[in-house]
PDB file of N, CA and C in Angstrom:
ATOM      1  N   MET A   1      48.580 -40.366  16.267  1.00  0.00           N
ATOM      2  CA  MET A   1      46.750 -40.985  15.752  1.00  0.00           C
ATOM      3  C   MET A   1      46.139 -42.283  16.188  1.00  0.00           C
ATOM      4  N   SER A   2      45.133 -41.815  16.640  1.00  0.00           N
ATOM      5  CA  SER A   2      44.479 -42.810  17.186  1.00  0.00           C
ATOM      6  C   SER A   2      43.824 -43.642  16.578  1.00  0.00           C
ATOM      7  N   ARG A   3      43.642 -45.085  16.986  1.00  0.00           N
ATOM      8  CA  ARG A   3      43.340 -46.366  16.533  1.00  0.00           C
ATOM      9  C   ARG A   3      42.089 -46.488  16.232  1.00  0.00           C
ATOM     10  N   ARG A   4      41.238 -45.176  15.517  1.00  0.00           N
ATOM     11  CA  ARG A   4      39.574 -45.295  15.544  1.00  0.00           C
ATOM     12  C   ARG A   4      39.411 -44.765  13.887  1.00  0.00           C
ATOM     13  N   CYS A   5      38.372 -45.245  13.636  1.00  0.00           N
ATOM     14  CA  CYS A   5      37.846 -45.344  12.260  1.00  0.00           C
ATOM     15  C   CYS A   5      36.867 -44.005  12.001  1.00  0.00           C
ATOM     16  N   GLU A   6      37.463 -42.963  10.981  1.00  0.00           N
ATOM     17  CA  GLU A   6      37.076 -41.672  10.706  1.00  0.00           C
ATOM     18  C   GLU A   6      35.451 -41.583  10.513  1.00  0.00           C
ATOM     19  N   LEU A   7      35.273 -42.874   9.613  1.00  0.00           N
ATOM     20  CA  LEU A   7      33.846 -42.415   8.882  1.00  0.00           C
ATOM     21  C   LEU A   7      32.682 -43.650  10.237  1.00  0.00           C
ATOM     22  N   THR A   8      33.127 -44.870  10.733  1.00  0.00           N
ATOM     23  CA  THR A   8      32.095 -45.441  11.682  1.00  0.00           C
ATOM     24  C   THR A   8      32.490 -45.259  13.142  1.00  0.00           C
ATOM     25  N   GLY A   9      33.615 -45.019  13.566  1.00  0.00           N
ATOM     26  CA  GLY A   9      34.109 -44.291  15.037  1.00  0.00           C
ATOM     27  C   GLY A   9      34.383 -46.093  15.880  1.00  0.00           C
ATOM     28  N   LYS A  10      34.489 -47.008  14.614  1.00  0.00           N
ATOM     29  CA  LYS A  10      35.135 -48.328  15.281  1.00  0.00           C
ATOM     30  C   LYS A  10      36.449 -48.369  15.760  1.00  0.00           C
ATOM     31  N   GLY A  11      36.930 -48.865  17.180  1.00  0.00           N
ATOM     32  CA  GLY A  11      37.899 -48.693  17.817  1.00  0.00           C
ATOM     33  C   GLY A  11      38.109 -49.925  18.421  1.00  0.00           C
ATOM     34  N   PRO A  12      39.458 -49.741  19.202  1.00  0.00           N
ATOM     35  CA  PRO A  12      40.310 -51.017  19.429  1.00  0.00           C
ATOM     36  C   PRO A  12      39.011 -52.154  20.888  1.00  0.00           C
ATOM     37  N   MET A  13      38.727 -52.945  20.961  1.00  0.00           N
ATOM     38  CA  MET A  13      37.761 -53.889  21.367  1.00  0.00           C
ATOM     39  C   MET A  13      39.133 -54.601  22.379  1.00  0.00           C
ATOM     40  N   THR A  14      38.413 -55.103  23.299  1.00  0.00           N
ATOM     41  CA  THR A  14      39.259 -56.202  24.515  1.00  0.00           C
ATOM     42  C   THR A  14      38.536 -57.455  24.525  1.00  0.00           C
ATOM     43  N   GLY A  15      39.153 -58.401  24.642  1.00  0.00           N
ATOM     44  CA  GLY A  15      39.045 -59.816  24.977  1.00  0.00           C
ATOM     45  C   GLY A  15      40.066 -60.620  25.787  1.00  0.00           C
ATOM     46  N   ASN A  16      40.106 -61.766  25.502  1.00  0.00           N
ATOM     47  CA  ASN A  16      40.745 -63.129  26.108  1.00  0.00           C
ATOM     48  C   ASN A  16      41.566 -64.083  25.128  1.00  0.00           C
ATOM     49  N   ASN A  17      42.906 -64.100  25.319  1.00  0.00           N
ATOM     50  CA  ASN A  17      43.600 -64.947  24.497  1.00  0.00           C
ATOM     51  C   ASN A  17      43.470 -66.292  25.725  1.00  0.00           C
ATOM     52  N   VAL A  18      42.924 -67.167  25.010  1.00  0.00           N
ATOM     53  CA  VAL A  18      42.251 -68.639  25.912  1.00  0.00           C
ATOM     54  C   VAL A  18      43.048 -70.030  25.417  1.00  0.00           C
ATOM     55  N   SER A  19      44.126 -70.116  26.594  1.00  0.00           N
ATOM     56  CA  SER A  19      45.387 -71.300  26.070  1.00  0.00           C
ATOM     57  C   SER A  19      44.388 -72.731  25.813  1.00  0.00           C
ATOM     58  N   HIS A  20      45.009 -73.790  25.462  1.00  0.00           N
ATOM     59  CA  HIS A  20      44.699 -75.065  25.472  1.00  0.00           C
ATOM     60  C   HIS A  20      44.147 -75.216  26.881  1.00  0.00           C
ATOM     61  N   ALA A  21      45.025 -74.835  27.944  1.00  0.00           N
ATOM     62  CA  ALA A  21      44.927 -75.380  29.453  1.00  0.00           C
ATOM     63  C   ALA A  21      43.877 -74.258  29.712  1.00  0.00           C
ATOM     64  N   ASN A  22      42.911 -73.907  28.818  1.00  0.00           N
ATOM     65  CA  ASN A  22      41.916 -72.524  29.233  1.00  0.00           C
ATOM     66  C   ASN A  22      42.754 -71.207  29.923  1.00  0.00           C
ATOM     67  N   ASN A  23      43.789 -71.152  29.863  1.00  0.00           N
ATOM     68  CA  ASN A  23      44.705 -69.820  30.552  1.00  0.00           C
ATOM     69  C   ASN A  23      43.905 -68.625  30.492  1.00  0.00           C
ATOM     70  N   LYS A  24      43.641 -67.903  30.541  1.00  0.00           N
ATOM     71  CA  LYS A  24      42.877 -66.420  30.207  1.00  0.00           C
ATOM     72  C   LYS A  24      43.710 -65.196  30.170  1.00  0.00           C
ATOM     73  N   THR A  25      44.548 -64.541  29.545  1.00  0.00           N
ATOM     74  CA  THR A  25      45.043 -63.523  29.036  1.00  0.00           C
ATOM     75  C   THR A  25      44.241 -62.333  28.756  1.00  0.00           C
ATOM     76  N   ARG A  26      44.366 -60.941  29.163  1.00  0.00           N
ATOM     77  CA  ARG A  26      43.737 -59.882  28.355  1.00  0.00           C
ATOM     78  C   ARG A  26      44.368 -59.675  27.068  1.00  0.00           C
ATOM     79  N   ARG A  27      43.838 -59.120  26.063  1.00  0.00           N
ATOM     80  CA  ARG A  27      44.368 -58.757  24.619  1.00  0.00           C
ATOM     81  C   ARG A  27      43.455 -57.593  23.841  1.00  0.00           C
ATOM     82  N   ARG A  28      43.710 -57.107  22.924  1.00  0.00           N
ATOM     83  CA  ARG A  28      43.278 -55.953  22.372  1.00  0.00           C
ATOM     84  C   ARG A  28      42.910 -56.684  20.668  1.00  0.00           C
ATOM     85  N   PHE A  29      41.693 -56.072  20.298  1.00  0.00           N
ATOM     86  CA  PHE A  29      41.433 -56.420  19.032  1.00  0.00           C
ATOM     87  C   PHE A  29      41.378 -55.320  17.930  1.00  0.00           C
ATOM     88  N   LEU A  30      42.798 -54.882  17.560  1.00  0.00           N
ATOM     89  CA  LEU A  30      42.543 -53.653  16.702  1.00  0.00           C
ATOM     90  C   LEU A  30      41.658 -53.791  15.416  1.00  0.00           C
ATOM     91  N   PRO A  31      41.449 -52.454  15.491  1.00  0.00           N
ATOM     92  CA  PRO A  31      40.566 -52.384  14.093  1.00  0.00           C
ATOM     93  C   PRO A  31      41.637 -52.295  12.481  1.00  0.00           C
ATOM     94  N   ASN A  32      40.676 -52.882  11.264  1.00  0.00           N
ATOM     95  CA  ASN A  32      42.042 -53.048  10.295  1.00  0.00           C
ATOM     96  C   ASN A  32      41.954 -51.388   9.697  1.00  0.00           C
ATOM     97  N   LEU A  33      42.843 -50.725   9.851  1.00  0.00           N
ATOM     98  CA  LEU A  33      42.698 -49.389   9.360  1.00  0.00           C
ATOM     99  C   LEU A  33      43.796 -49.139   8.142  1.00  0.00           C
ATOM    100  N   ASN A  34      43.318 -48.240   7.510  1.00  0.00           N
ATOM    101  CA  ASN A  34      43.876 -47.752   6.036  1.00  0.00           C
ATOM    102  C   ASN A  34      43.670 -46.419   5.484  1.00  0.00           C
ATOM    103  N   ASP A  35      44.892 -45.865   4.755  1.00  0.00           N
ATOM    104  CA  ASP A  35      45.047 -44.851   4.997  1.00  0.00           C
ATOM    105  C   ASP A  35      44.340 -44.640   3.549  1.00  0.00           C
ATOM    106  N   VAL A  36      43.390 -43.927   3.284  1.00  0.00           N
ATOM    107  CA  VAL A  36      42.538 -43.853   1.933  1.00  0.00           C
ATOM    108  C   VAL A  36      42.360 -42.275   1.290  1.00  0.00           C
ATOM    109  N   SER A  37      42.408 -41.917   0.057  1.00  0.00           N
ATOM    110  CA  SER A  37      41.845 -40.927  -0.308  1.00  0.00           C
ATOM    111  C   SER A  37      40.636 -41.454  -1.202  1.00  0.00           C
ATOM    112  N   LEU A  38      39.617 -40.807  -0.511  1.00  0.00           N
ATOM    113  CA  LEU A  38      38.537 -41.382  -1.537  1.00  0.00           C
ATOM    114  C   LEU A  38      37.369 -39.651  -2.217  1.00  0.00           C
ATOM    115  N   ARG A  39      37.207 -40.039  -3.465  1.00  0.00           N
ATOM    116  CA  ARG A  39      36.702 -38.949  -4.324  1.00  0.00           C
ATOM    117  C   ARG A  39      35.007 -38.556  -3.966  1.00  0.00           C
ATOM    118  N   SER A  40      35.030 -37.034  -3.729  1.00  0.00           N
ATOM    119  CA  SER A  40      33.817 -36.537  -3.321  1.00  0.00           C
ATOM    120  C   SER A  40      33.533 -36.054  -4.935  1.00  0.00           C
ATOM    121  N   GLU A  41      32.374 -36.422  -5.326  1.00  0.00           N
ATOM    122  CA  GLU A  41      31.692 -36.335  -6.545  1.00  0.00           C
ATOM    123  C   GLU A  41      31.288 -34.421  -6.286  1.00  0.00           C
ATOM    124  N   THR A  42      30.438 -34.397  -5.464  1.00  0.00           N
ATOM    125  CA  THR A  42      29.954 -32.852  -5.213  1.00  0.00           C
ATOM    126  C   THR A  42      30.995 -31.603  -4.857  1.00  0.00           C
ATOM    127  N   LEU A  43      32.112 -32.135  -4.187  1.00  0.00           N
ATOM    128  CA  LEU A  43      33.277 -31.061  -4.303  1.00  0.00           C
ATOM    129  C   LEU A  43      34.154 -30.946  -5.313  1.00  0.00           C
ATOM    130  N   GLY A  44      34.393 -32.383  -6.006  1.00  0.00           N
ATOM    131  CA  GLY A  44      34.988 -32.722  -6.814  1.00  0.00           C
ATOM    132  C   GLY A  44      36.295 -32.539  -6.402  1.00  0.00           C
ATOM    133  N   ARG A  45      36.857 -33.143  -5.576  1.00  0.00           N
ATOM    134  CA  ARG A  45      38.382 -33.056  -5.465  1.00  0.00           C
ATOM    135  C   ARG A  45      38.574 -34.647  -3.997  1.00  0.00           C
ATOM    136  N   ASN A  46      39.866 -35.233  -3.453  1.00  0.00           N
ATOM    137  CA  ASN A  46      39.716 -36.363  -3.161  1.00  0.00           C
ATOM    138  C   ASN A  46      40.115 -35.791  -1.700  1.00  0.00           C
ATOM    139  N   ILE A  47      39.303 -36.592  -0.629  1.00  0.00           N
ATOM    140  CA  ILE A  47      39.647 -36.634   1.291  1.00  0.00           C
ATOM    141  C   ILE A  47      40.419 -37.575   1.203  1.00  0.00           C
ATOM    142  N   LYS A  48      41.466 -37.299   2.127  1.00  0.00           N
ATOM    143  CA  LYS A  48      42.102 -38.014   2.549  1.00  0.00           C
ATOM    144  C   LYS A  48      41.604 -38.592   4.068  1.00  0.00           C
ATOM    145  N   LEU A  49      41.568 -39.715   4.509  1.00  0.00           N
ATOM    146  CA  LEU A  49      41.048 -40.128   5.471  1.00  0.00           C
ATOM    147  C   LEU A  49      41.772 -41.483   6.062  1.00  0.00           C
ATOM    148  N   ARG A  50      41.654 -42.032   7.915  1.00  0.00           N
ATOM    149  CA  ARG A  50      41.749 -43.090   7.908  1.00  0.00           C
ATOM    150  C   ARG A  50      40.940 -44.131   8.181  1.00  0.00           C
ATOM    151  N   ILE A  51      40.223 -44.856   7.766  1.00  0.00           N
ATOM    152  CA  ILE A  51      38.948 -45.541   7.752  1.00  0.00           C
ATOM    153  C   ILE A  51      39.372 -47.349   7.688  1.00  0.00           C
ATOM    154  N   SER A  52      38.338 -48.073   8.487  1.00  0.00           N
ATOM    155  CA  SER A  52      38.446 -49.245   8.388  1.00  0.00           C
ATOM    156  C   SER A  52      38.322 -50.559   7.062  1.00  0.00           C
ATOM    157  N   ALA A  53      38.412 -51.173   7.192  1.00  0.00           N
ATOM    158  CA  ALA A  53      38.211 -51.980   5.977  1.00  0.00           C
ATOM    159  C   ALA A  53      36.450 -51.916   5.478  1.00  0.00           C
ATOM    160  N   SER A  54      36.241 -52.599   6.403  1.00  0.00           N
ATOM    161  CA  SER A  54      34.708 -52.893   6.890  1.00  0.00           C
ATOM    162  C   SER A  54      33.893 -51.219   6.439  1.00  0.00           C
ATOM    163  N   ALA A  55      34.406 -50.364   6.860  1.00  0.00           N
ATOM    164  CA  ALA A  55      33.842 -48.951   6.263  1.00  0.00           C
ATOM    165  C   ALA A  55      34.050 -48.725   4.625  1.00  0.00           C
ATOM    166  N   LEU A  56      35.355 -48.757   4.423  1.00  0.00           N
ATOM    167  CA  LEU A  56      35.516 -48.789   2.515  1.00  0.00           C
ATOM    168  C   LEU A  56      34.312 -49.306   2.047  1.00  0.00           C
ATOM    169  N   ARG A  57      34.059 -50.701   2.560  1.00  0.00           N
ATOM    170  CA  ARG A  57      32.921 -51.382   1.772  1.00  0.00           C
ATOM    171  C   ARG A  57      32.062 -50.836   1.837  1.00  0.00           C
ATOM    172  N   SER A  58      31.661 -50.018   2.886  1.00  0.00           N
ATOM    173  CA  SER A  58      30.024 -49.833   3.244  1.00  0.00           C
ATOM    174  C   SER A  58      30.094 -48.301   1.964  1.00  0.00           C
ATOM    175  N   VAL A  59      31.115 -47.581   2.147  1.00  0.00           N
ATOM    176  CA  VAL A  59      31.413 -46.618   1.334  1.00  0.00           C
ATOM    177  C   VAL A  59      30.990 -47.054  -0.153  1.00  0.00           C
ATOM    178  N   ASP A  60      31.736 -48.119  -0.747  1.00  0.00           N
ATOM    179  CA  ASP A  60      31.805 -48.565  -2.032  1.00  0.00           C
ATOM    180  C   ASP A  60      30.139 -49.066  -2.053  1.00  0.00           C
ATOM    181  N   HIS A  61      29.563 -49.745  -1.031  1.00  0.00           N
ATOM    182  CA  HIS A  61      27.990 -50.354  -1.377  1.00  0.00           C
ATOM    183  C   HIS A  61      27.075 -48.962  -1.386  1.00  0.00           C
ATOM    184  N   ARG A  62      27.399 -48.301  -0.584  1.00  0.00           N
ATOM    185  CA  ARG A  62      26.331 -46.840  -0.669  1.00  0.00           C
ATOM    186  C   ARG A  62      26.517 -46.195  -1.582  1.00  0.00           C
ATOM    187  N   GLY A  63      27.789 -46.128  -2.711  1.00  0.00           N
ATOM    188  CA  GLY A  63      27.611 -45.475  -4.120  1.00  0.00           C
ATOM    189  C   GLY A  63      28.406 -44.517  -3.537  1.00  0.00           C
ATOM    190  N   GLY A  64      29.667 -44.522  -2.893  1.00  0.00           N
ATOM    191  CA  GLY A  64      30.423 -43.378  -2.580  1.00  0.00           C
ATOM    192  C   GLY A  64      30.493 -42.675  -1.154  1.00  0.00           C
ATOM    193  N   LEU A  65      31.571 -41.872  -1.501  1.00  0.00           N
ATOM    194  CA  LEU A  65      31.688 -41.130  -0.419  1.00  0.00           C
ATOM    195  C   LEU A  65      30.535 -40.067   0.134  1.00  0.00           C
ATOM    196  N   ASP A  66      29.910 -39.463  -0.728  1.00  0.00           N
ATOM    197  CA  ASP A  66      28.678 -38.426  -0.625  1.00  0.00           C
ATOM    198  C   ASP A  66      27.514 -39.444   0.157  1.00  0.00           C
ATOM    199  N   LYS A  67      27.142 -40.059  -0.525  1.00  0.00           N
ATOM    200  CA  LYS A  67      25.731 -40.750  -0.032  1.00  0.00           C
ATOM    201  C   LYS A  67      25.915 -41.714   1.134  1.00  0.00           C
ATOM    202  N   PHE A  68      27.661 -41.955   1.502  1.00  0.00           N
ATOM    203  CA  PHE A  68      27.895 -42.474   2.772  1.00  0.00           C
ATOM    204  C   PHE A  68      27.303 -40.960   4.002  1.00  0.00           C
ATOM    205  N   LEU A  69      28.316 -40.316   3.413  1.00  0.00           N
ATOM    206  CA  LEU A  69      28.374 -38.975   4.616  1.00  0.00           C
ATOM    207  C   LEU A  69      26.963 -38.596   4.924  1.00  0.00           C
ATOM    208  N   GLU A  70      26.054 -38.624   3.876  1.00  0.00           N
ATOM    209  CA  GLU A  70      24.403 -38.117   4.094  1.00  0.00           C
ATOM    210  C   GLU A  70      23.927 -38.768   4.571  1.00  0.00           C
ATOM    211  N   LYS A  71      24.316 -40.070   4.995  1.00  0.00           N
ATOM    212  CA  LYS A  71      23.139 -40.933   5.814  1.00  0.00           C
ATOM    213  C   LYS A  71      23.989 -40.935   7.307  1.00  0.00           C
ATOM    214  N   ALA A  72      25.037 -41.044   7.346  1.00  0.00           N
ATOM    215  CA  ALA A  72      25.955 -41.274   8.889  1.00  0.00           C
ATOM    216  C   ALA A  72      25.577 -40.170   9.897  1.00  0.00           C
ATOM    217  N   LYS A  73      25.726 -40.978  11.103  1.00  0.00           N
ATOM    218  CA  LYS A  73      25.485 -40.411  12.162  1.00  0.00           C
ATOM    219  C   LYS A  73      26.321 -39.029  12.749  1.00  0.00           C
ATOM    220  N   ASP A  74      25.907 -37.726  12.730  1.00  0.00           N
ATOM    221  CA  ASP A  74      27.514 -36.922  13.387  1.00  0.00           C
ATOM    222  C   ASP A  74      28.211 -37.598  14.512  1.00  0.00           C
ATOM    223  N   ALA A  75      27.810 -38.063  15.559  1.00  0.00           N
ATOM    224  CA  ALA A  75      28.505 -38.323  16.559  1.00  0.00           C
ATOM    225  C   ALA A  75      29.716 -39.623  16.310  1.00  0.00           C
ATOM    226  N   GLU A  76      29.415 -40.468  15.243  1.00  0.00           N
ATOM    227  CA  GLU A  76      30.010 -41.702  14.741  1.00  0.00           C
ATOM    228  C   GLU A  76      31.262 -40.849  13.768  1.00  0.00           C
ATOM    229  N   LEU A  77      31.327 -39.498  13.463  1.00  0.00           N
ATOM    230  CA  LEU A  77      32.324 -38.899  12.470  1.00  0.00           C
ATOM    231  C   LEU A  77      33.247 -38.265  13.065  1.00  0.00           C
ATOM    232  N   SER A  78      34.284 -38.297  12.475  1.00  0.00           N
ATOM    233  CA  SER A  78      35.680 -37.603  13.131  1.00  0.00           C
ATOM    234  C   SER A  78      35.388 -36.025  13.133  1.00  0.00           C
ATOM    235  N   ASP A  79      36.108 -35.452  13.358  1.00  0.00           N
ATOM    236  CA  ASP A  79      36.229 -34.017  13.157  1.00  0.00           C
ATOM    237  C   ASP A  79      36.432 -33.456  11.582  1.00  0.00           C
ATOM    238  N   THR A  80      37.021 -34.577  11.110  1.00  0.00           N
ATOM    239  CA  THR A  80      37.327 -33.776   9.423  1.00  0.00           C
ATOM    240  C   THR A  80      36.283 -34.675   8.702  1.00  0.00           C
ATOM    241  N   ALA A  81      35.667 -35.141   9.051  1.00  0.00           N
ATOM    242  CA  ALA A  81      34.575 -36.197   8.332  1.00  0.00           C
ATOM    243  C   ALA A  81      33.459 -35.366   8.436  1.00  0.00           C
ATOM    244  N   LEU A  82      33.709 -34.818   9.504  1.00  0.00           N
ATOM    245  CA  LEU A  82      32.243 -33.823   9.641  1.00  0.00           C
ATOM    246  C   LEU A  82      32.423 -32.604   9.173  1.00  0.00           C
ATOM    247  N   LYS A  83      33.353 -31.907   9.039  1.00  0.00           N
ATOM    248  CA  LYS A  83      33.741 -30.874   8.036  1.00  0.00           C
ATOM    249  C   LYS A  83      33.259 -31.240   6.665  1.00  0.00           C
ATOM    250  N   VAL A  84      33.682 -32.328   6.301  1.00  0.00           N
ATOM    251  CA  VAL A  84      33.376 -32.623   4.996  1.00  0.00           C
ATOM    252  C   VAL A  84      32.113 -32.759   4.744  1.00  0.00           C
ATOM    253  N   LYS A  85      31.416 -33.485   5.630  1.00  0.00           N
ATOM    254  CA  LYS A  85      30.083 -33.706   5.441  1.00  0.00           C
ATOM    255  C   LYS A  85      29.280 -32.327   5.174  1.00  0.00           C
ATOM    256  N   LYS A  86      29.295 -31.622   6.084  1.00  0.00           N
ATOM    257  CA  LYS A  86      29.202 -29.940   6.162  1.00  0.00           C
ATOM    258  C   LYS A  86      29.246 -29.049   4.827  1.00  0.00           C
ATOM    259  N   GLU A  87      30.889 -29.397   4.662  1.00  0.00           N
ATOM    260  CA  GLU A  87      30.774 -28.499   3.226  1.00  0.00           C
ATOM    261  C   GLU A  87      30.019 -29.543   1.776  1.00  0.00           C
ATOM    262  N   ILE A  88      29.850 -30.630   1.844  1.00  0.00           N
ATOM    263  CA  ILE A  88      29.209 -31.297   0.771  1.00  0.00           C
ATOM    264  C   ILE A  88      28.134 -31.135   0.730  1.00  0.00           C
ATOM    265  N   ALA A  89      26.678 -31.068   2.032  1.00  0.00           N
ATOM    266  CA  ALA A  89      25.635 -30.339   2.289  1.00  0.00           C
ATOM    267  C   ALA A  89      25.504 -29.001   2.014  1.00  0.00           C
ATOM    268  N   LYS A  90      26.541 -28.132   2.225  1.00  0.00           N
ATOM    269  CA  LYS A  90      26.262 -26.993   1.530  1.00  0.00           C
ATOM    270  C   LYS A  90      26.407 -26.966   0.375  1.00  0.00           C
ATOM    271  N   ALA A  91      27.302 -27.323  -0.583  1.00  0.00           N
ATOM    272  CA  ALA A  91      27.501 -27.074  -1.822  1.00  0.00           C
ATOM    273  C   ALA A  91      26.012 -27.922  -2.387  1.00  0.00           C
ATOM    274  N   GLN A  92      25.545 -28.793  -1.987  1.00  0.00           N
ATOM    275  CA  GLN A  92      24.271 -29.478  -2.676  1.00  0.00           C
ATOM    276  C   GLN A  92      23.358 -28.701  -2.415  1.00  0.00           C
ATOM    277  N   ALA A  93      23.246 -28.279  -1.395  1.00  0.00           N
ATOM    278  CA  ALA A  93      21.745 -27.027  -1.000  1.00  0.00           C
ATOM    279  C   ALA A  93      22.181 -25.599  -1.803  1.00  0.00           C
ATOM    280  N   SER A  94      23.383 -25.191  -2.406  1.00  0.00           N
ATOM    281  CA  SER A  94      23.458 -24.165  -3.162  1.00  0.00           C
ATOM    282  C   SER A  94      23.566 -24.502  -4.713  1.00  0.00           C
ATOM    283  N   ALA A  95      23.626 -25.482  -5.357  1.00  0.00           N
ATOM    284  CA  ALA A  95      23.747 -26.496  -6.852  1.00  0.00           C
ATOM    285  C   ALA A  95      21.991 -26.432  -7.337  1.00  0.00           C
TER     286      ALA A  95
END
């Protein structure tokens, strides 16, 4: 399981630990990933995703998973999220 957000593409970043003596050693900043089930109103079912806490706040801010995926860039989405986005678009087009 990779350490990458399925909705925003946020992944590990690198930087330095800096001691009081100004010694620098490399470190990694890992994203705050959570396993969540988000409800799709269009599909009428829950979708399990591994997303960052900031992405979860963004989903709530935009008004749900359907509206978030509508505006999301395809390059940032994981394969699962992209598949769900296409299912939602297809369901909305037929309705």
